Amino acid sequence: MALRRVFGSTTLGRFLLAKDPFIASRSPALNNSAVRGMSTEPADPSPKLFVSGLSKRTTDEGLREAFSKFGRVLEARVVTDKMNGVSKGFAFVRYATQEEADKGKEGMDGKFLDGWVIFADYARPRPPRTYDNPEGGNTTNATFAEGGKFY
């Protein structure tokens, strides 16, 4: 069961297939910009890392322990659902220095943590929020009814 979960996961498949540039460039499922609407350009180096592919069982303490092998971890936070507290499968790890973050990224990217292959990359800054809809809500869905109001 554990082997099936690891080797049958889309995360591992994406990791293995992304090594072939021909496949990675033509598959929208492997292209982060198609999935997340983000740029495919590499993020600028920073002491904060974005970690994806986490197991639902991974805790803040387990994440801190795994990444502390490469330097002093100031913060390790697994992002959880606000309603039920279950992990969303990604986290952020902040190191004291850029050099330690570089070691952590290289040391943990593509490694196993709690039985899952994880990916570590530099965190991107959060895009600024726009509040251009005076009625509130998301402006991209404002065409549901006349005037953008939801009834």
Protein backbone atom coordinates (compact mmCIF):
# COMPACT_ATOMS: atom_id res chain seq x y z
CA MET A 1 0.00 0.00 0.00
CA ALA A 2 2.78 2.44 0.92
CA LEU A 3 4.69 1.68 -2.27
CA ARG A 4 1.56 2.17 -4.35
CA ARG A 5 0.91 5.50 -2.66
CA VAL A 6 4.47 6.70 -3.26
CA PHE A 7 5.05 5.41 -6.77
CA GLY A 8 1.48 5.95 -7.97
CA SER A 9 1.32 9.53 -6.76
CA THR A 10 1.10 12.37 -9.24
CA THR A 11 3.85 14.16 -7.31
CA LEU A 12 6.42 11.46 -7.99
CA GLY A 13 5.21 11.11 -11.57
CA ARG A 14 5.56 14.86 -12.06
CA PHE A 15 9.05 14.70 -10.54
CA LEU A 16 10.19 11.89 -12.82
CA LEU A 17 8.59 13.22 -16.00
CA ALA A 18 9.80 16.78 -15.44
CA LYS A 19 13.37 15.54 -15.88
CA ASP A 20 12.63 15.17 -19.60
CA PRO A 21 12.42 18.72 -21.05
CA PHE A 22 10.39 17.53 -24.07
CA ILE A 23 7.62 16.07 -21.91
CA ALA A 24 7.69 18.87 -19.33
CA SER A 25 7.34 21.63 -21.92
CA ARG A 26 4.29 20.05 -23.59
CA SER A 27 2.31 18.82 -20.62
CA PRO A 28 -0.04 21.34 -18.99
CA ALA A 29 -0.28 19.10 -15.92
CA LEU A 30 3.48 19.46 -15.39
CA ASN A 31 3.53 23.16 -16.11
CA ASN A 32 3.11 25.11 -12.86
CA SER A 33 1.76 28.14 -14.72
CA ALA A 34 -1.15 26.04 -16.00
CA VAL A 35 -1.85 24.63 -12.56
CA ARG A 36 -1.34 27.64 -10.31
CA GLY A 37 -1.48 30.59 -12.70
CA MET A 38 2.05 31.48 -11.68
CA SER A 39 5.17 32.27 -13.64
CA THR A 40 7.44 29.38 -14.56
CA GLU A 41 10.47 31.58 -13.93
CA PRO A 42 12.55 30.45 -10.95
CA ALA A 43 11.92 32.40 -7.76
CA ASP A 44 14.57 34.77 -6.47
CA PRO A 45 16.69 33.28 -3.68
CA SER A 46 15.42 34.11 -0.21
CA PRO A 47 15.81 32.63 3.28
CA LYS A 48 12.19 31.42 3.10
CA LEU A 49 11.44 28.13 1.32
CA PHE A 50 8.17 26.84 -0.11
CA VAL A 51 7.81 23.09 0.48
CA SER A 52 5.19 21.10 -1.46
CA GLY A 53 4.13 17.48 -1.73
CA LEU A 54 3.77 17.00 2.03
CA SER A 55 1.88 14.16 3.64
CA LYS A 56 -1.25 15.00 5.62
CA ARG A 57 0.59 13.55 8.64
CA THR A 58 3.51 16.02 8.49
CA THR A 59 3.60 18.38 11.47
CA ASP A 60 5.40 21.65 12.14
CA GLU A 61 7.78 19.83 14.48
CA GLY A 62 8.55 17.07 11.96
CA LEU A 63 9.17 19.65 9.25
CA ARG A 64 11.46 21.65 11.53
CA GLU A 65 13.40 18.53 12.49
CA ALA A 66 13.91 17.48 8.86
CA PHE A 67 15.08 20.91 7.68
CA SER A 68 17.19 21.76 10.76
CA LYS A 69 19.90 19.38 9.51
CA PHE A 70 20.93 22.10 7.05
CA GLY A 71 20.92 25.17 9.29
CA ARG A 72 19.08 27.15 11.94
CA VAL A 73 15.34 27.12 11.22
CA LEU A 74 13.55 30.22 12.49
CA GLU A 75 10.07 29.12 11.42
CA ALA A 76 8.54 25.93 10.04
CA ARG A 77 4.81 26.12 9.37
CA VAL A 78 2.60 23.54 7.68
CA VAL A 79 -0.39 25.27 6.09
CA THR A 80 -3.65 23.77 7.33
CA ASP A 81 -7.31 24.08 6.48
CA LYS A 82 -9.00 26.62 8.75
CA MET A 83 -12.11 24.52 9.26
CA ASN A 84 -10.76 21.07 10.06
CA GLY A 85 -7.04 21.66 10.73
CA VAL A 86 -5.87 19.12 8.13
CA SER A 87 -2.67 19.86 6.23
CA LYS A 88 -3.09 21.30 2.73
CA GLY A 89 0.10 19.54 1.62
CA PHE A 90 2.48 22.49 1.59
CA ALA A 91 4.50 24.49 4.08
CA PHE A 92 6.98 27.32 4.55
CA VAL A 93 10.39 27.07 6.21
CA ARG A 94 12.40 30.17 7.11
CA TYR A 95 16.14 29.94 7.74
CA ALA A 96 18.36 32.45 9.53
CA THR A 97 20.57 33.08 6.46
CA GLN A 98 20.42 32.72 2.71
CA GLU A 99 23.30 30.22 2.72
CA GLU A 100 21.41 27.92 5.09
CA ALA A 101 18.32 28.18 2.89
CA ASP A 102 20.42 27.19 -0.13
CA LYS A 103 21.66 24.09 1.74
CA GLY A 104 18.13 23.24 2.88
CA LYS A 105 16.73 23.56 -0.63
CA GLU A 106 19.44 21.38 -2.14
CA GLY A 107 19.30 18.88 0.70
CA MET A 108 15.54 18.32 0.82
CA ASP A 109 14.34 18.86 -2.76
CA GLY A 110 13.13 15.52 -4.13
CA LYS A 111 13.65 13.69 -0.82
CA PHE A 112 11.19 11.57 1.18
CA LEU A 113 9.45 12.97 4.25
CA ASP A 114 6.79 10.89 6.02
CA GLY A 115 6.68 8.53 3.02
CA TRP A 116 6.10 11.24 0.38
CA VAL A 117 8.45 12.91 -2.09
CA ILE A 118 8.67 16.60 -1.23
CA PHE A 119 9.84 19.56 -3.27
CA ALA A 120 11.62 22.61 -1.87
CA ASP A 121 11.94 25.90 -3.70
CA TYR A 122 12.42 29.53 -2.76
CA ALA A 123 9.16 31.14 -1.67
CA ARG A 124 7.70 33.77 -3.96
CA PRO A 125 6.32 37.00 -2.55
CA ARG A 126 2.54 37.05 -2.28
CA PRO A 127 1.01 39.16 -5.07
CA PRO A 128 -0.75 42.30 -3.85
CA ARG A 129 -4.47 42.00 -3.32
CA THR A 130 -6.77 44.21 -5.33
CA TYR A 131 -9.99 45.52 -3.88
CA ASP A 132 -11.62 46.90 -7.01
CA ASN A 133 -15.13 45.55 -6.35
CA PRO A 134 -17.05 47.86 -3.99
CA GLU A 135 -19.73 45.17 -3.54
CA GLY A 136 -17.13 42.77 -2.13
CA GLY A 137 -16.32 39.29 -3.33
CA ASN A 138 -14.21 38.10 -6.21
CA THR A 139 -14.43 40.33 -9.29
CA THR A 140 -13.71 37.47 -11.68
CA ASN A 141 -17.01 35.82 -10.70
CA ALA A 142 -19.00 39.06 -10.67
CA THR A 143 -20.99 38.16 -13.80
CA PHE A 144 -23.28 35.69 -11.99
CA ALA A 145 -26.19 38.11 -12.01
CA GLU A 146 -26.81 41.66 -13.17
CA GLY A 147 -24.55 44.17 -11.55
CA GLY A 148 -22.25 41.48 -10.22
CA LYS A 149 -24.46 40.79 -7.22
CA PHE A 150 -25.00 37.28 -5.98
CA TYR A 151 -28.55 36.35 -5.04
